[in-house]
Amino acid sequence: MLRKQKKRSQGAITVEVALCLPILLTVLFGSYELARANMMLHSTESAAYEGARVGIIPGATPQSVRDSVGHVLRSVGVTQFNVQITPPVLTNADEEIEVEVTVPFRENLAIPTFFIRDPVFTGTCTLRRELL
């Protein structure tokens, strides 16, 4: 008699796991994706700021701005991004520098996304140039 109860109990556990495991995994992977999206959003804004800070220094080049942006984004695992610098050629006569960074979310994922469509995160920063 004890043996029959044990088999029924094992069957109930199997059914419970079969019902609860997909829900648990959906919540787990959804939380991971949302946390990664949040990290990319804030890293994009931070990278634009760091790029603009490098760009306002006299003698800065567009390549040094791109390198600064790339350093910030690669430190958090972002490999695909675009950097737009205004003005495209930095001279000491320019009063302001604007750096716009765009990061496509889908191209920077560790796992395929199910919950987030296809956003592009954009960070923009405008700073006044330092005078000599």
C-alpha atoms as a PDB file:
ATOM      1  CA  MET A   1       0.000   0.000   0.000  1.00  0.00           C
ATOM      2  CA  LEU A   2       2.831   2.376   0.803  1.00  0.00           C
ATOM      3  CA  ARG A   3       4.349   1.621  -2.600  1.00  0.00           C
ATOM      4  CA  LYS A   4       1.208   2.801  -4.492  1.00  0.00           C
ATOM      5  CA  GLN A   5       1.142   6.102  -2.603  1.00  0.00           C
ATOM      6  CA  LYS A   6       4.798   6.728  -3.460  1.00  0.00           C
ATOM      7  CA  LYS A   7       4.141   6.203  -7.204  1.00  0.00           C
ATOM      8  CA  ARG A   8       1.162   8.569  -7.127  1.00  0.00           C
ATOM      9  CA  SER A   9       3.251  11.140  -5.276  1.00  0.00           C
ATOM     10  CA  GLN A  10       6.006  10.930  -7.889  1.00  0.00           C
ATOM     11  CA  GLY A  11       3.449  11.401 -10.650  1.00  0.00           C
ATOM     12  CA  ALA A  12       2.061  14.503  -8.940  1.00  0.00           C
ATOM     13  CA  ILE A  13       5.538  15.961  -8.589  1.00  0.00           C
ATOM     14  CA  THR A  14       6.224  15.359 -12.282  1.00  0.00           C
ATOM     15  CA  VAL A  15       3.000  17.142 -13.271  1.00  0.00           C
ATOM     16  CA  GLU A  16       3.746  20.075 -10.962  1.00  0.00           C
ATOM     17  CA  VAL A  17       7.239  20.469 -12.396  1.00  0.00           C
ATOM     18  CA  ALA A  18       5.886  20.233 -15.949  1.00  0.00           C
ATOM     19  CA  LEU A  19       3.430  23.042 -15.210  1.00  0.00           C
ATOM     20  CA  CYS A  20       5.678  25.326 -13.145  1.00  0.00           C
ATOM     21  CA  LEU A  21       9.048  25.007 -14.894  1.00  0.00           C
ATOM     22  CA  PRO A  22       8.068  26.838 -18.129  1.00  0.00           C
ATOM     23  CA  ILE A  23       6.635  29.723 -16.122  1.00  0.00           C
ATOM     24  CA  LEU A  24       9.735  29.907 -13.938  1.00  0.00           C
ATOM     25  CA  LEU A  25      12.075  29.852 -16.937  1.00  0.00           C
ATOM     26  CA  THR A  26      10.025  32.524 -18.729  1.00  0.00           C
ATOM     27  CA  VAL A  27      10.280  34.834 -15.718  1.00  0.00           C
ATOM     28  CA  LEU A  28      13.998  34.078 -15.318  1.00  0.00           C
ATOM     29  CA  PHE A  29      14.960  34.769 -18.942  1.00  0.00           C
ATOM     30  CA  GLY A  30      12.607  37.761 -19.144  1.00  0.00           C
ATOM     31  CA  SER A  31      14.282  39.303 -16.097  1.00  0.00           C
ATOM     32  CA  TYR A  32      17.703  38.721 -17.641  1.00  0.00           C
ATOM     33  CA  GLU A  33      16.702  40.393 -20.902  1.00  0.00           C
ATOM     34  CA  LEU A  34      15.153  43.406 -19.182  1.00  0.00           C
ATOM     35  CA  ALA A  35      18.213  43.854 -16.969  1.00  0.00           C
ATOM     36  CA  ARG A  36      20.500  43.642 -20.019  1.00  0.00           C
ATOM     37  CA  ALA A  37      18.349  46.200 -21.867  1.00  0.00           C
ATOM     38  CA  ASN A  38      18.525  48.563 -18.896  1.00  0.00           C
ATOM     39  CA  MET A  39      22.304  48.163 -18.713  1.00  0.00           C
ATOM     40  CA  MET A  40      22.662  48.897 -22.451  1.00  0.00           C
ATOM     41  CA  LEU A  41      20.464  51.986 -22.197  1.00  0.00           C
ATOM     42  CA  HIS A  42      22.495  53.503 -19.359  1.00  0.00           C
ATOM     43  CA  SER A  43      25.814  52.479 -20.910  1.00  0.00           C
ATOM     44  CA  THR A  44      24.812  54.192 -24.162  1.00  0.00           C
ATOM     45  CA  GLU A  45      24.128  57.459 -22.339  1.00  0.00           C
ATOM     46  CA  SER A  46      27.361  57.155 -20.361  1.00  0.00           C
ATOM     47  CA  ALA A  47      29.380  56.437 -23.523  1.00  0.00           C
ATOM     48  CA  ALA A  48      27.979  59.549 -25.237  1.00  0.00           C
ATOM     49  CA  TYR A  49      28.975  61.657 -22.229  1.00  0.00           C
ATOM     50  CA  GLU A  50      32.485  60.184 -22.068  1.00  0.00           C
ATOM     51  CA  GLY A  51      32.944  60.704 -25.809  1.00  0.00           C
ATOM     52  CA  ALA A  52      31.845  64.330 -25.542  1.00  0.00           C
ATOM     53  CA  ARG A  53      34.234  64.882 -22.618  1.00  0.00           C
ATOM     54  CA  VAL A  54      37.128  63.645 -24.737  1.00  0.00           C
ATOM     55  CA  GLY A  55      35.944  65.766 -27.685  1.00  0.00           C
ATOM     56  CA  ILE A  56      35.933  69.086 -25.834  1.00  0.00           C
ATOM     57  CA  ILE A  57      39.643  68.924 -25.045  1.00  0.00           C
ATOM     58  CA  PRO A  58      41.737  71.047 -27.447  1.00  0.00           C
ATOM     59  CA  GLY A  59      43.502  68.822 -29.968  1.00  0.00           C
ATOM     60  CA  ALA A  60      40.947  66.020 -29.762  1.00  0.00           C
ATOM     61  CA  THR A  61      40.203  64.010 -32.893  1.00  0.00           C
ATOM     62  CA  PRO A  62      37.039  62.203 -33.982  1.00  0.00           C
ATOM     63  CA  GLN A  63      38.952  58.931 -33.634  1.00  0.00           C
ATOM     64  CA  SER A  64      39.790  59.655 -29.985  1.00  0.00           C
ATOM     65  CA  VAL A  65      36.081  60.309 -29.354  1.00  0.00           C
ATOM     66  CA  ARG A  66      35.130  57.012 -31.039  1.00  0.00           C
ATOM     67  CA  ASP A  67      37.799  55.169 -29.046  1.00  0.00           C
ATOM     68  CA  SER A  68      36.449  56.594 -25.789  1.00  0.00           C
ATOM     69  CA  VAL A  69      32.887  55.573 -26.689  1.00  0.00           C
ATOM     70  CA  GLY A  70      34.067  52.121 -27.740  1.00  0.00           C
ATOM     71  CA  HIS A  71      35.969  51.629 -24.497  1.00  0.00           C
ATOM     72  CA  VAL A  72      32.858  52.298 -22.393  1.00  0.00           C
ATOM     73  CA  LEU A  73      30.568  50.123 -24.506  1.00  0.00           C
ATOM     74  CA  ARG A  74      32.949  47.196 -24.908  1.00  0.00           C
ATOM     75  CA  SER A  75      33.451  47.081 -21.137  1.00  0.00           C
ATOM     76  CA  VAL A  76      29.802  45.988 -20.802  1.00  0.00           C
ATOM     77  CA  GLY A  77      29.828  43.599 -23.771  1.00  0.00           C
ATOM     78  CA  VAL A  78      28.371  45.844 -26.486  1.00  0.00           C
ATOM     79  CA  THR A  79      30.088  45.146 -29.806  1.00  0.00           C
ATOM     80  CA  GLN A  80      27.784  46.758 -32.396  1.00  0.00           C
ATOM     81  CA  PHE A  81      27.275  50.523 -32.122  1.00  0.00           C
ATOM     82  CA  ASN A  82      27.362  53.718 -34.179  1.00  0.00           C
ATOM     83  CA  VAL A  83      28.890  57.058 -33.203  1.00  0.00           C
ATOM     84  CA  GLN A  84      27.899  60.375 -34.812  1.00  0.00           C
ATOM     85  CA  ILE A  85      30.024  63.408 -33.973  1.00  0.00           C
ATOM     86  CA  THR A  86      28.890  66.957 -34.746  1.00  0.00           C
ATOM     87  CA  PRO A  87      30.869  68.719 -36.175  1.00  0.00           C
ATOM     88  CA  PRO A  88      32.498  65.840 -38.055  1.00  0.00           C
ATOM     89  CA  VAL A  89      35.909  67.577 -38.070  1.00  0.00           C
ATOM     90  CA  LEU A  90      36.977  68.947 -34.697  1.00  0.00           C
ATOM     91  CA  THR A  91      38.735  72.302 -34.714  1.00  0.00           C
ATOM     92  CA  ASN A  92      39.514  74.787 -31.967  1.00  0.00           C
ATOM     93  CA  ALA A  93      36.995  77.211 -33.518  1.00  0.00           C
ATOM     94  CA  ASP A  94      34.033  74.924 -32.723  1.00  0.00           C
ATOM     95  CA  GLU A  95      32.036  76.060 -29.705  1.00  0.00           C
ATOM     96  CA  GLU A  96      30.155  72.820 -28.993  1.00  0.00           C
ATOM     97  CA  ILE A  97      30.642  69.125 -29.546  1.00  0.00           C
ATOM     98  CA  GLU A  98      27.680  66.776 -29.848  1.00  0.00           C
ATOM     99  CA  VAL A  99      28.149  63.020 -29.640  1.00  0.00           C
ATOM    100  CA  GLU A 100      25.281  60.686 -30.491  1.00  0.00           C
ATOM    101  CA  VAL A 101      25.655  56.967 -29.820  1.00  0.00           C
ATOM    102  CA  THR A 102      23.181  54.372 -31.093  1.00  0.00           C
ATOM    103  CA  VAL A 103      23.188  50.754 -29.969  1.00  0.00           C
ATOM    104  CA  PRO A 104      20.907  48.199 -31.689  1.00  0.00           C
ATOM    105  CA  PHE A 105      19.659  45.911 -28.911  1.00  0.00           C
ATOM    106  CA  ARG A 106      19.047  42.774 -30.976  1.00  0.00           C
ATOM    107  CA  GLU A 107      22.586  42.725 -32.414  1.00  0.00           C
ATOM    108  CA  ASN A 108      24.143  42.826 -28.929  1.00  0.00           C
ATOM    109  CA  LEU A 109      22.289  39.987 -27.230  1.00  0.00           C
ATOM    110  CA  ALA A 110      23.827  36.931 -25.617  1.00  0.00           C
ATOM    111  CA  ILE A 111      20.617  34.941 -26.160  1.00  0.00           C
ATOM    112  CA  PRO A 112      17.757  35.496 -28.640  1.00  0.00           C
ATOM    113  CA  THR A 113      15.104  37.860 -27.332  1.00  0.00           C
ATOM    114  CA  PHE A 114      11.452  37.005 -26.847  1.00  0.00           C
ATOM    115  CA  PHE A 115      10.166  39.922 -24.794  1.00  0.00           C
ATOM    116  CA  ILE A 116      11.743  42.990 -26.340  1.00  0.00           C
ATOM    117  CA  ARG A 117      10.984  43.807 -29.957  1.00  0.00           C
ATOM    118  CA  ASP A 118      13.823  45.573 -31.769  1.00  0.00           C
ATOM    119  CA  PRO A 119      14.738  48.805 -30.002  1.00  0.00           C
ATOM    120  CA  VAL A 120      17.700  50.993 -30.750  1.00  0.00           C
ATOM    121  CA  PHE A 121      19.087  52.757 -27.712  1.00  0.00           C
ATOM    122  CA  THR A 122      20.313  56.308 -28.302  1.00  0.00           C
ATOM    123  CA  GLY A 123      22.437  58.457 -26.054  1.00  0.00           C
ATOM    124  CA  THR A 124      23.255  62.086 -26.888  1.00  0.00           C
ATOM    125  CA  CYS A 125      25.487  64.569 -25.120  1.00  0.00           C
ATOM    126  CA  THR A 126      26.379  68.147 -26.079  1.00  0.00           C
ATOM    127  CA  LEU A 127      29.202  69.937 -24.290  1.00  0.00           C
ATOM    128  CA  ARG A 128      30.912  73.304 -24.810  1.00  0.00           C
ATOM    129  CA  ARG A 129      34.555  73.219 -25.903  1.00  0.00           C
ATOM    130  CA  GLU A 130      37.326  74.125 -23.507  1.00  0.00           C
ATOM    131  CA  LEU A 131      39.178  77.259 -24.452  1.00  0.00           C
ATOM    132  CA  LEU A 132      42.948  77.436 -24.760  1.00  0.00           C
END
